[in-house]
Amino acid sequence: MSVDLAALHGKLVDLHLHFDGSISVPAARRLAQIAGEPLSMSDAEVFDHLSVGDECEDLNEYLDKFQFPLSLLQTREQICECVYLLQEELHQQGYLYAELRFAPQSLCEQGLTQREVVEAAIEGLRRSPFEARLILCCMRGDNNLAANLQTVELAAEYLGNEVVALDLAGAEALFPTRDFEPVFARARELGVPFTIHAGEADGPQSVWDALAMGASRIGHGVRAIEDPELVSELVRRQVPIEVCFTSEVQTGALQSYQHAGSLKRMLDAGVNVTINSDNCSVSNTWVGRELLLLGEAIGLTETDALRLMRNAVDASFADEETKQRLRATLDA
């Protein structure tokens, strides 16, 4: 089976897209130029700095690839330009809607405050007519509770102002999901919806913990297949999972052949699956490529792909008016 991407042009939806992991080679050159430090590397060398190879062993090694792109996102102008350029690239690739996520605390190494980072990202978002929203990521760690709580407060302050939700990202196996209950207790108090990276580097218990905290969606979530009761719970609650096929193979969450079978079983079980890129540059992919891979791996058809895009619209953190507009485009 195969998927006709031409028929899906203008209908692609991505809910799990880290903009700091999705900097293209031309964008990297532009961001370096803004800092007054043009890149002397060849395009191939820049690409190697931005992307992981087949030798990637686990999530921790995968996360190391963010050091270079993060160094290009430490000024207001760089952040604003990066968000704008990414939206323009997504539009050209045939995207309809995307939720761009990032950790404000990771972009403060040269003196910016988290508030300044968020405002720069919002400014960049507004520069493009492409339909996108922002998700603010808290980060896994053992000494950043104050920074995470500040991210929560900012998400609440800017909620509905291009910011639509929170997330928790980072080294899942090193810093278990359950340790971040105080962060999401505050999010619940403030009425901020959230997704949580879970069930990727850590097992099913990580997903259970995310559900117990009140997560509206699960980032990745593929290890849920190891626990039939958890799969049934995801179906019962209709909590969407944000599958990122390529990156999950790269980080070792599942081997390629396992992943295809697991994804097919979850779809057949009725899990609300969405298909996403995770990091366009780090993983060298995009939603169109993910759909093609799934066409080859599990016989995904064009009709199936449209259903998955509809799943994504329904699962998005966008307001209902925006969802109705996006559904109308998908149904046209």
C-alpha atoms as a PDB file:
ATOM      1  CA  MET A   1       0.000   0.000   0.000  1.00  0.00           C
ATOM      2  CA  SER A   2       1.119   3.590  -0.476  1.00  0.00           C
ATOM      3  CA  VAL A   3       0.128   7.131   0.380  1.00  0.00           C
ATOM      4  CA  ASP A   4      -0.260   9.800  -2.300  1.00  0.00           C
ATOM      5  CA  LEU A   5       1.307  12.891  -0.754  1.00  0.00           C
ATOM      6  CA  ALA A   6       0.103  15.102  -3.601  1.00  0.00           C
ATOM      7  CA  ALA A   7      -3.470  14.395  -2.519  1.00  0.00           C
ATOM      8  CA  LEU A   8      -2.569  15.363   1.058  1.00  0.00           C
ATOM      9  CA  HIS A   9      -0.878  18.655   0.198  1.00  0.00           C
ATOM     10  CA  GLY A  10      -2.299  21.398   2.376  1.00  0.00           C
ATOM     11  CA  LYS A  11      -3.818  18.834   4.774  1.00  0.00           C
ATOM     12  CA  LEU A  12      -0.888  17.759   6.947  1.00  0.00           C
ATOM     13  CA  VAL A  13      -1.107  18.295  10.707  1.00  0.00           C
ATOM     14  CA  ASP A  14       1.741  17.995  13.223  1.00  0.00           C
ATOM     15  CA  LEU A  15       1.069  18.192  16.967  1.00  0.00           C
ATOM     16  CA  HIS A  16       4.515  17.138  18.194  1.00  0.00           C
ATOM     17  CA  LEU A  17       7.129  19.361  16.595  1.00  0.00           C
ATOM     18  CA  HIS A  18      10.040  20.856  18.550  1.00  0.00           C
ATOM     19  CA  PHE A  19      11.050  24.004  16.697  1.00  0.00           C
ATOM     20  CA  ASP A  20      14.583  23.926  18.124  1.00  0.00           C
ATOM     21  CA  GLY A  21      14.954  20.428  16.636  1.00  0.00           C
ATOM     22  CA  SER A  22      13.541  21.492  13.279  1.00  0.00           C
ATOM     23  CA  ILE A  23      16.036  24.101  12.078  1.00  0.00           C
ATOM     24  CA  SER A  24      16.840  23.562   8.402  1.00  0.00           C
ATOM     25  CA  VAL A  25      20.307  24.187   6.975  1.00  0.00           C
ATOM     26  CA  PRO A  26      19.277  27.525   5.366  1.00  0.00           C
ATOM     27  CA  ALA A  27      17.601  28.578   8.616  1.00  0.00           C
ATOM     28  CA  ALA A  28      20.723  27.679  10.608  1.00  0.00           C
ATOM     29  CA  ARG A  29      22.813  29.877   8.331  1.00  0.00           C
ATOM     30  CA  ARG A  30      20.330  32.723   8.742  1.00  0.00           C
ATOM     31  CA  LEU A  31      20.295  32.420  12.539  1.00  0.00           C
ATOM     32  CA  ALA A  32      24.087  32.360  12.705  1.00  0.00           C
ATOM     33  CA  GLN A  33      24.198  35.411  10.468  1.00  0.00           C
ATOM     34  CA  ILE A  34      21.864  37.259  12.854  1.00  0.00           C
ATOM     35  CA  ALA A  35      24.383  36.619  15.633  1.00  0.00           C
ATOM     36  CA  GLY A  36      27.175  38.021  13.466  1.00  0.00           C
ATOM     37  CA  GLU A  37      28.885  34.631  13.316  1.00  0.00           C
ATOM     38  CA  PRO A  38      28.291  33.187   9.817  1.00  0.00           C
ATOM     39  CA  LEU A  39      28.792  29.432   9.554  1.00  0.00           C
ATOM     40  CA  SER A  40      31.938  28.502   7.650  1.00  0.00           C
ATOM     41  CA  MET A  41      30.911  24.844   7.390  1.00  0.00           C
ATOM     42  CA  SER A  42      29.595  23.267   4.208  1.00  0.00           C
ATOM     43  CA  ASP A  43      25.890  22.470   3.978  1.00  0.00           C
ATOM     44  CA  ALA A  44      26.693  18.798   4.554  1.00  0.00           C
ATOM     45  CA  GLU A  45      28.620  19.656   7.712  1.00  0.00           C
ATOM     46  CA  VAL A  46      25.814  21.869   9.002  1.00  0.00           C
ATOM     47  CA  PHE A  47      23.356  19.057   8.333  1.00  0.00           C
ATOM     48  CA  ASP A  48      25.546  16.638  10.300  1.00  0.00           C
ATOM     49  CA  HIS A  49      25.494  19.055  13.242  1.00  0.00           C
ATOM     50  CA  LEU A  50      21.705  19.221  13.107  1.00  0.00           C
ATOM     51  CA  SER A  51      20.814  15.549  12.552  1.00  0.00           C
ATOM     52  CA  VAL A  52      21.426  12.188  14.163  1.00  0.00           C
ATOM     53  CA  GLY A  53      22.684   9.266  12.155  1.00  0.00           C
ATOM     54  CA  ASP A  54      21.848   5.588  12.147  1.00  0.00           C
ATOM     55  CA  GLU A  55      24.346   5.074  14.949  1.00  0.00           C
ATOM     56  CA  CYS A  56      22.172   6.838  17.546  1.00  0.00           C
ATOM     57  CA  GLU A  57      21.910   4.507  20.547  1.00  0.00           C
ATOM     58  CA  ASP A  58      19.327   6.043  22.886  1.00  0.00           C
ATOM     59  CA  LEU A  59      17.303   9.108  23.838  1.00  0.00           C
ATOM     60  CA  ASN A  60      20.158  10.672  25.788  1.00  0.00           C
ATOM     61  CA  GLU A  61      22.425  10.590  22.732  1.00  0.00           C
ATOM     62  CA  TYR A  62      19.562  11.895  20.610  1.00  0.00           C
ATOM     63  CA  LEU A  63      19.098  14.846  22.967  1.00  0.00           C
ATOM     64  CA  ASP A  64      22.785  15.759  22.618  1.00  0.00           C
ATOM     65  CA  LYS A  65      21.990  16.897  19.061  1.00  0.00           C
ATOM     66  CA  PHE A  66      20.128  19.883  20.476  1.00  0.00           C
ATOM     67  CA  GLN A  67      23.278  21.625  21.700  1.00  0.00           C
ATOM     68  CA  PHE A  68      24.095  23.141  18.303  1.00  0.00           C
ATOM     69  CA  PRO A  69      20.589  24.355  17.352  1.00  0.00           C
ATOM     70  CA  LEU A  70      20.043  25.749  20.850  1.00  0.00           C
ATOM     71  CA  SER A  71      23.210  27.824  20.432  1.00  0.00           C
ATOM     72  CA  LEU A  72      21.483  29.493  17.464  1.00  0.00           C
ATOM     73  CA  LEU A  73      18.439  30.505  19.524  1.00  0.00           C
ATOM     74  CA  GLN A  74      19.727  32.742  22.271  1.00  0.00           C
ATOM     75  CA  THR A  75      18.535  36.195  21.135  1.00  0.00           C
ATOM     76  CA  ARG A  76      15.048  37.601  20.606  1.00  0.00           C
ATOM     77  CA  GLU A  77      15.717  38.127  16.893  1.00  0.00           C
ATOM     78  CA  GLN A  78      16.958  34.566  16.401  1.00  0.00           C
ATOM     79  CA  ILE A  79      13.949  33.041  18.161  1.00  0.00           C
ATOM     80  CA  CYS A  80      11.476  35.218  16.281  1.00  0.00           C
ATOM     81  CA  GLU A  81      13.139  34.483  12.931  1.00  0.00           C
ATOM     82  CA  CYS A  82      13.341  30.742  13.608  1.00  0.00           C
ATOM     83  CA  VAL A  83       9.622  30.420  14.359  1.00  0.00           C
ATOM     84  CA  TYR A  84       8.732  32.489  11.302  1.00  0.00           C
ATOM     85  CA  LEU A  85      11.037  30.547   8.952  1.00  0.00           C
ATOM     86  CA  LEU A  86       9.777  27.196  10.201  1.00  0.00           C
ATOM     87  CA  GLN A  87       6.167  28.200   9.562  1.00  0.00           C
ATOM     88  CA  GLU A  88       7.051  29.243   6.020  1.00  0.00           C
ATOM     89  CA  GLU A  89       8.790  25.913   5.423  1.00  0.00           C
ATOM     90  CA  LEU A  90       5.834  23.950   6.808  1.00  0.00           C
ATOM     91  CA  HIS A  91       3.459  25.846   4.536  1.00  0.00           C
ATOM     92  CA  GLN A  92       5.602  25.018   1.491  1.00  0.00           C
ATOM     93  CA  GLN A  93       5.653  21.329   2.466  1.00  0.00           C
ATOM     94  CA  GLY A  94       1.872  21.182   2.499  1.00  0.00           C
ATOM     95  CA  TYR A  95       1.065  21.518   6.172  1.00  0.00           C
ATOM     96  CA  LEU A  96      -2.325  22.775   7.322  1.00  0.00           C
ATOM     97  CA  TYR A  97      -1.643  23.246  11.036  1.00  0.00           C
ATOM     98  CA  ALA A  98       1.142  22.668  13.559  1.00  0.00           C
ATOM     99  CA  GLU A  99       1.771  23.013  17.268  1.00  0.00           C
ATOM    100  CA  LEU A 100       5.367  24.139  17.809  1.00  0.00           C
ATOM    101  CA  ARG A 101       6.892  23.304  21.156  1.00  0.00           C
ATOM    102  CA  PHE A 102      10.011  24.524  22.931  1.00  0.00           C
ATOM    103  CA  ALA A 103      11.471  24.989  26.412  1.00  0.00           C
ATOM    104  CA  PRO A 104      11.835  28.705  27.231  1.00  0.00           C
ATOM    105  CA  GLN A 105      14.376  27.957  29.967  1.00  0.00           C
ATOM    106  CA  SER A 106      16.734  26.427  27.372  1.00  0.00           C
ATOM    107  CA  LEU A 107      16.925  29.705  25.451  1.00  0.00           C
ATOM    108  CA  CYS A 108      18.090  31.891  28.349  1.00  0.00           C
ATOM    109  CA  GLU A 109      21.829  31.148  28.264  1.00  0.00           C
ATOM    110  CA  GLN A 110      22.770  34.639  27.049  1.00  0.00           C
ATOM    111  CA  GLY A 111      20.601  36.644  29.390  1.00  0.00           C
ATOM    112  CA  LEU A 112      17.070  36.450  28.009  1.00  0.00           C
ATOM    113  CA  THR A 113      14.289  35.856  30.505  1.00  0.00           C
ATOM    114  CA  GLN A 114      11.702  33.162  29.888  1.00  0.00           C
ATOM    115  CA  ARG A 115       9.135  35.901  29.337  1.00  0.00           C
ATOM    116  CA  GLU A 116      11.292  37.499  26.640  1.00  0.00           C
ATOM    117  CA  VAL A 117      11.745  34.111  24.976  1.00  0.00           C
ATOM    118  CA  VAL A 118       8.002  33.438  24.904  1.00  0.00           C
ATOM    119  CA  GLU A 119       7.232  36.909  23.578  1.00  0.00           C
ATOM    120  CA  ALA A 120       9.846  36.507  20.815  1.00  0.00           C
ATOM    121  CA  ALA A 121       8.280  33.191  19.767  1.00  0.00           C
ATOM    122  CA  ILE A 122       4.821  34.774  19.716  1.00  0.00           C
ATOM    123  CA  GLU A 123       6.156  37.619  17.581  1.00  0.00           C
ATOM    124  CA  GLY A 124       7.595  35.123  15.110  1.00  0.00           C
ATOM    125  CA  LEU A 125       4.334  33.188  15.022  1.00  0.00           C
ATOM    126  CA  ARG A 126       2.396  36.336  14.170  1.00  0.00           C
ATOM    127  CA  ARG A 127       4.678  37.190  11.267  1.00  0.00           C
ATOM    128  CA  SER A 128       3.415  34.263   9.224  1.00  0.00           C
ATOM    129  CA  PRO A 129      -0.171  33.638   8.060  1.00  0.00           C
ATOM    130  CA  PHE A 130       0.415  29.905   8.533  1.00  0.00           C
ATOM    131  CA  GLU A 131      -1.855  28.429  11.232  1.00  0.00           C
ATOM    132  CA  ALA A 132       0.270  27.400  14.208  1.00  0.00           C
ATOM    133  CA  ARG A 133       0.244  27.519  17.999  1.00  0.00           C
ATOM    134  CA  LEU A 134       2.893  27.236  20.731  1.00  0.00           C
ATOM    135  CA  ILE A 135       3.381  24.652  23.472  1.00  0.00           C
ATOM    136  CA  LEU A 136       5.778  25.564  26.299  1.00  0.00           C
ATOM    137  CA  CYS A 137       7.952  22.702  27.550  1.00  0.00           C
ATOM    138  CA  CYS A 138       9.007  22.184  31.116  1.00  0.00           C
ATOM    139  CA  MET A 139      12.225  20.172  31.322  1.00  0.00           C
ATOM    140  CA  ARG A 140      13.173  17.027  33.187  1.00  0.00           C
ATOM    141  CA  GLY A 141      15.974  17.655  35.676  1.00  0.00           C
ATOM    142  CA  ASP A 142      16.736  17.556  39.380  1.00  0.00           C
ATOM    143  CA  ASN A 143      17.395  21.226  40.104  1.00  0.00           C
ATOM    144  CA  ASN A 144      15.064  23.241  37.867  1.00  0.00           C
ATOM    145  CA  LEU A 145      11.751  23.224  39.745  1.00  0.00           C
ATOM    146  CA  ALA A 146      11.699  27.026  39.943  1.00  0.00           C
ATOM    147  CA  ALA A 147      12.316  27.345  36.194  1.00  0.00           C
ATOM    148  CA  ASN A 148       9.592  24.814  35.428  1.00  0.00           C
ATOM    149  CA  LEU A 149       7.089  26.587  37.655  1.00  0.00           C
ATOM    150  CA  GLN A 150       7.921  29.854  35.913  1.00  0.00           C
ATOM    151  CA  THR A 151       7.162  28.166  32.581  1.00  0.00           C
ATOM    152  CA  VAL A 152       3.793  27.067  33.970  1.00  0.00           C
ATOM    153  CA  GLU A 153       2.981  30.613  35.103  1.00  0.00           C
ATOM    154  CA  LEU A 154       3.889  32.015  31.684  1.00  0.00           C
ATOM    155  CA  ALA A 155       1.765  29.407  29.930  1.00  0.00           C
ATOM    156  CA  ALA A 156      -1.189  30.457  32.080  1.00  0.00           C
ATOM    157  CA  GLU A 157      -0.539  34.146  31.411  1.00  0.00           C
ATOM    158  CA  TYR A 158      -0.303  33.753  27.620  1.00  0.00           C
ATOM    159  CA  LEU A 159      -2.887  30.973  27.269  1.00  0.00           C
ATOM    160  CA  GLY A 160      -5.070  31.725  24.271  1.00  0.00           C
ATOM    161  CA  ASN A 161      -2.508  34.259  23.063  1.00  0.00           C
ATOM    162  CA  GLU A 162      -0.809  31.844  20.639  1.00  0.00           C
ATOM    163  CA  VAL A 163       0.219  29.627  23.600  1.00  0.00           C
ATOM    164  CA  VAL A 164      -2.151  26.675  23.987  1.00  0.00           C
ATOM    165  CA  ALA A 165      -0.558  24.145  26.356  1.00  0.00           C
ATOM    166  CA  LEU A 166       2.349  22.838  28.416  1.00  0.00           C
ATOM    167  CA  ASP A 167       4.603  19.830  27.986  1.00  0.00           C
ATOM    168  CA  LEU A 168       7.337  17.962  29.861  1.00  0.00           C
ATOM    169  CA  ALA A 169      10.377  16.964  27.783  1.00  0.00           C
ATOM    170  CA  GLY A 170      13.894  15.682  28.336  1.00  0.00           C
ATOM    171  CA  ALA A 171      15.646  12.569  29.618  1.00  0.00           C
ATOM    172  CA  GLU A 172      12.646  10.466  30.622  1.00  0.00           C
ATOM    173  CA  ALA A 173      14.532   7.432  31.922  1.00  0.00           C
ATOM    174  CA  LEU A 174      16.818   9.566  34.111  1.00  0.00           C
ATOM    175  CA  PHE A 175      14.058  11.749  35.550  1.00  0.00           C
ATOM    176  CA  PRO A 176      10.799   9.781  35.991  1.00  0.00           C
ATOM    177  CA  THR A 177       7.505  11.405  35.110  1.00  0.00           C
ATOM    178  CA  ARG A 178       6.098  10.981  38.634  1.00  0.00           C
ATOM    179  CA  ASP A 179       8.765  13.343  40.028  1.00  0.00           C
ATOM    180  CA  PHE A 180       7.096  16.286  38.257  1.00  0.00           C
ATOM    181  CA  GLU A 181       3.691  16.071  39.933  1.00  0.00           C
ATOM    182  CA  PRO A 182       4.208  19.481  41.691  1.00  0.00           C
ATOM    183  CA  VAL A 183       4.719  21.148  38.312  1.00  0.00           C
ATOM    184  CA  PHE A 184       1.513  19.795  36.839  1.00  0.00           C
ATOM    185  CA  ALA A 185      -0.436  20.269  40.058  1.00  0.00           C
ATOM    186  CA  ARG A 186       0.197  23.978  39.519  1.00  0.00           C
ATOM    187  CA  ALA A 187      -0.829  23.675  35.867  1.00  0.00           C
ATOM    188  CA  ARG A 188      -4.112  22.098  36.959  1.00  0.00           C
ATOM    189  CA  GLU A 189      -4.686  24.901  39.457  1.00  0.00           C
ATOM    190  CA  LEU A 190      -4.212  27.464  36.701  1.00  0.00           C
ATOM    191  CA  GLY A 191      -6.319  25.592  34.154  1.00  0.00           C
ATOM    192  CA  VAL A 192      -3.491  25.040  31.679  1.00  0.00           C
ATOM    193  CA  PRO A 193      -3.926  21.886  29.540  1.00  0.00           C
ATOM    194  CA  PHE A 194      -0.856  19.760  28.977  1.00  0.00           C
ATOM    195  CA  THR A 195       0.724  16.876  27.165  1.00  0.00           C
ATOM    196  CA  ILE A 196       3.651  14.904  28.634  1.00  0.00           C
ATOM    197  CA  HIS A 197       6.478  13.006  26.939  1.00  0.00           C
ATOM    198  CA  ALA A 198       5.938   9.494  28.336  1.00  0.00           C
ATOM    199  CA  GLY A 199       6.286   5.880  27.280  1.00  0.00           C
ATOM    200  CA  GLU A 200       9.335   6.525  25.102  1.00  0.00           C
ATOM    201  CA  ALA A 201      12.599   5.951  26.979  1.00  0.00           C
ATOM    202  CA  ASP A 202      10.655   4.777  30.028  1.00  0.00           C
ATOM    203  CA  GLY A 203       8.020   2.053  30.110  1.00  0.00           C
ATOM    204  CA  PRO A 204       4.229   1.938  30.551  1.00  0.00           C
ATOM    205  CA  GLN A 205       4.346   3.252  34.132  1.00  0.00           C
ATOM    206  CA  SER A 206       5.484   6.598  32.761  1.00  0.00           C
ATOM    207  CA  VAL A 207       2.239   6.791  30.761  1.00  0.00           C
ATOM    208  CA  TRP A 208       0.168   5.774  33.773  1.00  0.00           C
ATOM    209  CA  ASP A 209       1.844   8.572  35.762  1.00  0.00           C
ATOM    210  CA  ALA A 210       1.120  11.111  33.018  1.00  0.00           C
ATOM    211  CA  LEU A 211      -2.540  10.073  32.959  1.00  0.00           C
ATOM    212  CA  ALA A 212      -2.746  10.327  36.751  1.00  0.00           C
ATOM    213  CA  MET A 213      -1.461  13.898  36.520  1.00  0.00           C
ATOM    214  CA  GLY A 214      -4.205  14.802  34.064  1.00  0.00           C
ATOM    215  CA  ALA A 215      -2.377  14.862  30.738  1.00  0.00           C
ATOM    216  CA  SER A 216      -4.723  15.586  27.819  1.00  0.00           C
ATOM    217  CA  ARG A 217      -2.333  13.895  25.378  1.00  0.00           C
ATOM    218  CA  ILE A 218       0.714  11.640  25.627  1.00  0.00           C
ATOM    219  CA  GLY A 219       3.894  12.524  23.774  1.00  0.00           C
ATOM    220  CA  HIS A 220       5.079   9.327  22.057  1.00  0.00           C
ATOM    221  CA  GLY A 221       3.373   6.783  24.323  1.00  0.00           C
ATOM    222  CA  VAL A 222       4.470   3.820  22.189  1.00  0.00           C
ATOM    223  CA  ARG A 223       5.638   1.719  25.160  1.00  0.00           C
ATOM    224  CA  ALA A 224       1.989   1.560  26.248  1.00  0.00           C
ATOM    225  CA  ILE A 225       1.689  -1.494  24.013  1.00  0.00           C
ATOM    226  CA  GLU A 226       3.594  -3.454  26.670  1.00  0.00           C
ATOM    227  CA  ASP A 227       0.605  -3.144  29.030  1.00  0.00           C
ATOM    228  CA  PRO A 228      -2.759  -4.311  27.614  1.00  0.00           C
ATOM    229  CA  GLU A 229      -4.602  -2.688  30.513  1.00  0.00           C
ATOM    230  CA  LEU A 230      -2.980   0.640  29.691  1.00  0.00           C
ATOM    231  CA  VAL A 231      -3.945   0.323  26.023  1.00  0.00           C
ATOM    232  CA  SER A 232      -7.533  -0.270  27.122  1.00  0.00           C
ATOM    233  CA  GLU A 233      -7.362   2.777  29.393  1.00  0.00           C
ATOM    234  CA  LEU A 234      -6.112   4.988  26.566  1.00  0.00           C
ATOM    235  CA  VAL A 235      -9.027   3.771  24.450  1.00  0.00           C
ATOM    236  CA  ARG A 236     -11.541   4.240  27.266  1.00  0.00           C
ATOM    237  CA  ARG A 237     -10.406   7.804  27.948  1.00  0.00           C
ATOM    238  CA  GLN A 238      -9.662   8.521  24.280  1.00  0.00           C
ATOM    239  CA  VAL A 239      -6.405  10.186  25.280  1.00  0.00           C
ATOM    240  CA  PRO A 240      -4.439  10.781  22.043  1.00  0.00           C
ATOM    241  CA  ILE A 241      -0.863   9.616  21.680  1.00  0.00           C
ATOM    242  CA  GLU A 242       1.605  11.635  19.615  1.00  0.00           C
ATOM    243  CA  VAL A 243       3.467   8.939  17.678  1.00  0.00           C
ATOM    244  CA  CYS A 244       6.770   9.985  16.068  1.00  0.00           C
ATOM    245  CA  PHE A 245       7.755   6.829  14.192  1.00  0.00           C
ATOM    246  CA  THR A 246      11.248   7.774  12.981  1.00  0.00           C
ATOM    247  CA  SER A 247      12.510   9.368  16.180  1.00  0.00           C
ATOM    248  CA  GLU A 248      11.162   6.524  18.309  1.00  0.00           C
ATOM    249  CA  VAL A 249      13.216   4.065  16.286  1.00  0.00           C
ATOM    250  CA  GLN A 250      16.256   6.360  16.491  1.00  0.00           C
ATOM    251  CA  THR A 251      16.011   6.639  20.283  1.00  0.00           C
ATOM    252  CA  GLY A 252      15.514   2.905  20.683  1.00  0.00           C
ATOM    253  CA  ALA A 253      11.988   3.135  22.119  1.00  0.00           C
ATOM    254  CA  LEU A 254      11.153   0.265  19.769  1.00  0.00           C
ATOM    255  CA  GLN A 255      12.980  -1.449  16.954  1.00  0.00           C
ATOM    256  CA  SER A 256      11.593  -0.658  13.512  1.00  0.00           C
ATOM    257  CA  TYR A 257       9.853  -3.992  12.983  1.00  0.00           C
ATOM    258  CA  GLN A 258       8.463  -3.914  16.554  1.00  0.00           C
ATOM    259  CA  HIS A 259       7.248  -0.351  16.129  1.00  0.00           C
ATOM    260  CA  ALA A 260       5.267  -1.100  12.987  1.00  0.00           C
ATOM    261  CA  GLY A 261       3.514  -4.034  14.612  1.00  0.00           C
ATOM    262  CA  SER A 262       2.873  -2.157  17.846  1.00  0.00           C
ATOM    263  CA  LEU A 263       1.414   0.820  16.022  1.00  0.00           C
ATOM    264  CA  LYS A 264      -0.874  -1.428  13.988  1.00  0.00           C
ATOM    265  CA  ARG A 265      -2.132  -3.134  17.150  1.00  0.00           C
ATOM    266  CA  MET A 266      -2.830   0.193  18.861  1.00  0.00           C
ATOM    267  CA  LEU A 267      -4.705   1.501  15.826  1.00  0.00           C
ATOM    268  CA  ASP A 268      -6.732  -1.719  15.634  1.00  0.00           C
ATOM    269  CA  ALA A 269      -7.476  -1.471  19.359  1.00  0.00           C
ATOM    270  CA  GLY A 270      -8.964   1.987  18.892  1.00  0.00           C
ATOM    271  CA  VAL A 271      -6.216   4.119  20.419  1.00  0.00           C
ATOM    272  CA  ASN A 272      -6.471   7.728  19.253  1.00  0.00           C
ATOM    273  CA  VAL A 273      -3.200   7.841  17.314  1.00  0.00           C
ATOM    274  CA  THR A 274      -1.689  10.954  15.738  1.00  0.00           C
ATOM    275  CA  ILE A 275       1.392  10.928  13.481  1.00  0.00           C
ATOM    276  CA  ASN A 276       4.074  13.552  14.023  1.00  0.00           C
ATOM    277  CA  SER A 277       7.633  14.473  13.095  1.00  0.00           C
ATOM    278  CA  ASP A 278       9.072  15.248  16.566  1.00  0.00           C
ATOM    279  CA  ASN A 279      12.167  17.005  15.169  1.00  0.00           C
ATOM    280  CA  CYS A 280      12.297  17.648  11.448  1.00  0.00           C
ATOM    281  CA  SER A 281      16.043  18.255  11.376  1.00  0.00           C
ATOM    282  CA  VAL A 282      17.326  16.047  14.186  1.00  0.00           C
ATOM    283  CA  SER A 283      15.372  13.089  12.780  1.00  0.00           C
ATOM    284  CA  ASN A 284      15.563  14.283   9.137  1.00  0.00           C
ATOM    285  CA  THR A 285      11.846  13.770   8.607  1.00  0.00           C
ATOM    286  CA  TRP A 286       8.451  15.452   8.299  1.00  0.00           C
ATOM    287  CA  VAL A 287       4.850  14.271   8.538  1.00  0.00           C
ATOM    288  CA  GLY A 288       4.689  13.447   4.826  1.00  0.00           C
ATOM    289  CA  ARG A 289       7.678  11.142   5.121  1.00  0.00           C
ATOM    290  CA  GLU A 290       6.228   9.536   8.255  1.00  0.00           C
ATOM    291  CA  LEU A 291       3.037   8.714   6.380  1.00  0.00           C
ATOM    292  CA  LEU A 292       5.021   7.195   3.498  1.00  0.00           C
ATOM    293  CA  LEU A 293       6.996   5.044   5.943  1.00  0.00           C
ATOM    294  CA  LEU A 294       3.784   3.851   7.573  1.00  0.00           C
ATOM    295  CA  GLY A 295       2.335   3.083   4.160  1.00  0.00           C
ATOM    296  CA  GLU A 296       5.238   0.722   3.597  1.00  0.00           C
ATOM    297  CA  ALA A 297       5.319  -0.653   7.143  1.00  0.00           C
ATOM    298  CA  ILE A 298       1.650  -1.273   7.950  1.00  0.00           C
ATOM    299  CA  GLY A 299      -0.201  -0.719   4.683  1.00  0.00           C
ATOM    300  CA  LEU A 300      -1.433   2.760   5.575  1.00  0.00           C
ATOM    301  CA  THR A 301      -3.646   4.149   2.803  1.00  0.00           C
ATOM    302  CA  GLU A 302      -4.509   7.690   1.768  1.00  0.00           C
ATOM    303  CA  THR A 303      -7.886   7.299   3.496  1.00  0.00           C
ATOM    304  CA  ASP A 304      -6.114   6.128   6.659  1.00  0.00           C
ATOM    305  CA  ALA A 305      -3.766   9.108   6.446  1.00  0.00           C
ATOM    306  CA  LEU A 306      -6.654  11.556   6.222  1.00  0.00           C
ATOM    307  CA  ARG A 307      -8.251   9.888   9.239  1.00  0.00           C
ATOM    308  CA  LEU A 308      -5.011  10.351  11.175  1.00  0.00           C
ATOM    309  CA  MET A 309      -4.903  14.020  10.192  1.00  0.00           C
ATOM    310  CA  ARG A 310      -8.502  14.358  11.381  1.00  0.00           C
ATOM    311  CA  ASN A 311      -7.464  12.676  14.642  1.00  0.00           C
ATOM    312  CA  ALA A 312      -4.763  15.311  14.999  1.00  0.00           C
ATOM    313  CA  VAL A 313      -7.155  18.207  14.449  1.00  0.00           C
ATOM    314  CA  ASP A 314      -9.564  16.760  17.013  1.00  0.00           C
ATOM    315  CA  ALA A 315      -6.677  16.221  19.467  1.00  0.00           C
ATOM    316  CA  SER A 316      -5.138  19.641  18.961  1.00  0.00           C
ATOM    317  CA  PHE A 317      -5.148  22.291  21.659  1.00  0.00           C
ATOM    318  CA  ALA A 318      -6.667  24.796  19.231  1.00  0.00           C
ATOM    319  CA  ASP A 319      -9.990  26.438  20.082  1.00  0.00           C
ATOM    320  CA  GLU A 320     -13.147  24.897  18.649  1.00  0.00           C
ATOM    321  CA  GLU A 321     -13.600  27.595  16.008  1.00  0.00           C
ATOM    322  CA  THR A 322     -10.130  26.877  14.641  1.00  0.00           C
ATOM    323  CA  LYS A 323     -10.788  23.127  14.711  1.00  0.00           C
ATOM    324  CA  GLN A 324     -13.959  23.556  12.703  1.00  0.00           C
ATOM    325  CA  ARG A 325     -12.072  25.565  10.091  1.00  0.00           C
ATOM    326  CA  LEU A 326      -9.335  22.925   9.879  1.00  0.00           C
ATOM    327  CA  ARG A 327     -11.876  20.094   9.624  1.00  0.00           C
ATOM    328  CA  ALA A 328     -13.584  21.873   6.769  1.00  0.00           C
ATOM    329  CA  THR A 329     -10.295  21.984   4.856  1.00  0.00           C
ATOM    330  CA  LEU A 330      -9.656  18.283   5.507  1.00  0.00           C
ATOM    331  CA  ASP A 331     -13.148  17.372   4.378  1.00  0.00           C
ATOM    332  CA  ALA A 332     -13.062  19.508   1.221  1.00  0.00           C
END
